[in-house]
Amino acid sequence: MSKPSAAKRHRQSLKRRQINRGWRKKLHTTEKSLLDRLGEGKAQEAVAELREISRLLTRAATRKVIHKKKSSRKIGRLSKRLAKSAAKST
């Protein structure tokens, strides 16, 4: 039989894992949506999506779901793609 503190810690880790998986799924779908908008050439909608994904990435980094440098790297790369796409469309 494991100690009660170990059992509690295990329950907490399982709960935290589910929460983190939800965050990662949300990040992935939002990023994919942004890339779809860029592919379609819808710059205005892509700007709104970029604002949303950058907000989510920052919050995920704050909550330590992902590393903060990964968050800033993704924001930078997506911003760069949006700028490149906007310059190509005009």
C-alpha atoms as a PDB file:
ATOM      1  CA  MET A   1       0.000   0.000   0.000  1.00  0.00           C
ATOM      2  CA  SER A   2       1.385   3.391  -0.889  1.00  0.00           C
ATOM      3  CA  LYS A   3       1.487   6.269   1.489  1.00  0.00           C
ATOM      4  CA  PRO A   4      -1.495   8.635   1.440  1.00  0.00           C
ATOM      5  CA  SER A   5       0.710  11.547   0.388  1.00  0.00           C
ATOM      6  CA  ALA A   6       2.014   9.576  -2.610  1.00  0.00           C
ATOM      7  CA  ALA A   7      -1.514   8.624  -3.636  1.00  0.00           C
ATOM      8  CA  LYS A   8      -2.642  12.237  -3.395  1.00  0.00           C
ATOM      9  CA  ARG A   9       0.371  13.397  -5.418  1.00  0.00           C
ATOM     10  CA  HIS A  10      -0.474  10.834  -8.095  1.00  0.00           C
ATOM     11  CA  ARG A  11      -4.091  12.038  -8.280  1.00  0.00           C
ATOM     12  CA  GLN A  12      -2.862  15.635  -8.603  1.00  0.00           C
ATOM     13  CA  SER A  13      -0.455  14.736 -11.395  1.00  0.00           C
ATOM     14  CA  LEU A  14      -3.189  12.949 -13.351  1.00  0.00           C
ATOM     15  CA  LYS A  15      -5.488  15.942 -12.993  1.00  0.00           C
ATOM     16  CA  ARG A  16      -2.710  18.356 -14.019  1.00  0.00           C
ATOM     17  CA  ARG A  17      -1.909  16.167 -17.038  1.00  0.00           C
ATOM     18  CA  GLN A  18      -5.487  16.416 -18.278  1.00  0.00           C
ATOM     19  CA  ILE A  19      -5.478  20.191 -17.856  1.00  0.00           C
ATOM     20  CA  ASN A  20      -2.162  20.529 -19.710  1.00  0.00           C
ATOM     21  CA  ARG A  21      -3.370  18.308 -22.538  1.00  0.00           C
ATOM     22  CA  GLY A  22      -6.411  20.536 -22.930  1.00  0.00           C
ATOM     23  CA  TRP A  23      -4.198  23.621 -23.128  1.00  0.00           C
ATOM     24  CA  ARG A  24      -1.920  22.017 -25.714  1.00  0.00           C
ATOM     25  CA  LYS A  25      -4.908  20.935 -27.803  1.00  0.00           C
ATOM     26  CA  LYS A  26      -6.328  24.465 -27.711  1.00  0.00           C
ATOM     27  CA  LEU A  27      -2.959  25.911 -28.747  1.00  0.00           C
ATOM     28  CA  HIS A  28      -2.601  23.431 -31.584  1.00  0.00           C
ATOM     29  CA  THR A  29      -6.072  24.028 -33.033  1.00  0.00           C
ATOM     30  CA  THR A  30      -5.740  27.810 -32.819  1.00  0.00           C
ATOM     31  CA  GLU A  31      -2.345  27.718 -34.510  1.00  0.00           C
ATOM     32  CA  LYS A  32      -3.715  25.472 -37.240  1.00  0.00           C
ATOM     33  CA  SER A  33      -6.642  27.847 -37.743  1.00  0.00           C
ATOM     34  CA  LEU A  34      -4.214  30.765 -38.156  1.00  0.00           C
ATOM     35  CA  LEU A  35      -2.173  28.843 -40.728  1.00  0.00           C
ATOM     36  CA  ASP A  36      -5.362  27.987 -42.623  1.00  0.00           C
ATOM     37  CA  ARG A  37      -6.294  31.684 -42.738  1.00  0.00           C
ATOM     38  CA  LEU A  38      -2.833  32.529 -44.059  1.00  0.00           C
ATOM     39  CA  GLY A  39      -3.165  29.827 -46.723  1.00  0.00           C
ATOM     40  CA  GLU A  40      -6.505  31.239 -47.836  1.00  0.00           C
ATOM     41  CA  GLY A  41      -5.111  34.776 -47.953  1.00  0.00           C
ATOM     42  CA  LYS A  42      -7.516  36.197 -45.366  1.00  0.00           C
ATOM     43  CA  ALA A  43      -5.194  38.713 -43.712  1.00  0.00           C
ATOM     44  CA  GLN A  44      -7.747  40.483 -41.481  1.00  0.00           C
ATOM     45  CA  GLU A  45      -8.971  37.237 -39.947  1.00  0.00           C
ATOM     46  CA  ALA A  46      -5.376  36.037 -39.594  1.00  0.00           C
ATOM     47  CA  VAL A  47      -4.494  39.155 -37.581  1.00  0.00           C
ATOM     48  CA  ALA A  48      -7.319  38.394 -35.147  1.00  0.00           C
ATOM     49  CA  GLU A  49      -6.187  34.759 -34.947  1.00  0.00           C
ATOM     50  CA  LEU A  50      -2.607  35.873 -34.271  1.00  0.00           C
ATOM     51  CA  ARG A  51      -3.781  38.088 -31.423  1.00  0.00           C
ATOM     52  CA  GLU A  52      -5.683  35.134 -29.957  1.00  0.00           C
ATOM     53  CA  ILE A  53      -2.835  32.621 -30.331  1.00  0.00           C
ATOM     54  CA  SER A  54      -0.300  35.025 -28.823  1.00  0.00           C
ATOM     55  CA  ARG A  55      -2.596  35.568 -25.837  1.00  0.00           C
ATOM     56  CA  LEU A  56      -3.029  31.823 -25.387  1.00  0.00           C
ATOM     57  CA  LEU A  57       0.686  31.117 -25.756  1.00  0.00           C
ATOM     58  CA  THR A  58       1.562  33.749 -23.173  1.00  0.00           C
ATOM     59  CA  ARG A  59      -0.981  32.370 -20.717  1.00  0.00           C
ATOM     60  CA  ALA A  60       0.221  28.802 -21.294  1.00  0.00           C
ATOM     61  CA  ALA A  61       3.798  29.894 -20.598  1.00  0.00           C
ATOM     62  CA  THR A  62       2.705  31.717 -17.455  1.00  0.00           C
ATOM     63  CA  ARG A  63       0.972  28.562 -16.229  1.00  0.00           C
ATOM     64  CA  LYS A  64       4.054  26.508 -17.170  1.00  0.00           C
ATOM     65  CA  VAL A  65       2.207  24.353 -19.675  1.00  0.00           C
ATOM     66  CA  ILE A  66       4.951  25.221 -22.179  1.00  0.00           C
ATOM     67  CA  HIS A  67       8.294  26.946 -21.751  1.00  0.00           C
ATOM     68  CA  LYS A  68       8.246  30.743 -22.012  1.00  0.00           C
ATOM     69  CA  LYS A  69      10.957  30.774 -24.677  1.00  0.00           C
ATOM     70  CA  LYS A  70       8.966  28.316 -26.769  1.00  0.00           C
ATOM     71  CA  SER A  71       6.001  30.639 -26.428  1.00  0.00           C
ATOM     72  CA  SER A  72       7.908  33.714 -27.587  1.00  0.00           C
ATOM     73  CA  ARG A  73       9.565  31.750 -30.412  1.00  0.00           C
ATOM     74  CA  LYS A  74       6.204  30.587 -31.736  1.00  0.00           C
ATOM     75  CA  ILE A  75       4.719  34.095 -31.506  1.00  0.00           C
ATOM     76  CA  GLY A  76       7.704  35.517 -33.384  1.00  0.00           C
ATOM     77  CA  ARG A  77       7.601  32.922 -36.136  1.00  0.00           C
ATOM     78  CA  LEU A  78       3.848  33.231 -36.638  1.00  0.00           C
ATOM     79  CA  SER A  79       4.117  37.045 -36.732  1.00  0.00           C
ATOM     80  CA  LYS A  80       6.847  36.762 -39.316  1.00  0.00           C
ATOM     81  CA  ARG A  81       4.710  34.455 -41.469  1.00  0.00           C
ATOM     82  CA  LEU A  82       1.761  36.820 -41.211  1.00  0.00           C
ATOM     83  CA  ALA A  83       3.892  39.797 -42.231  1.00  0.00           C
ATOM     84  CA  LYS A  84       5.351  37.868 -45.154  1.00  0.00           C
ATOM     85  CA  SER A  85       1.881  36.774 -46.251  1.00  0.00           C
ATOM     86  CA  ALA A  86       0.477  40.302 -45.943  1.00  0.00           C
ATOM     87  CA  ALA A  87       3.384  41.744 -47.963  1.00  0.00           C
ATOM     88  CA  LYS A  88       2.886  39.148 -50.684  1.00  0.00           C
ATOM     89  CA  SER A  89      -0.853  39.802 -50.955  1.00  0.00           C
ATOM     90  CA  THR A  90      -0.469  43.590 -51.421  1.00  0.00           C
END
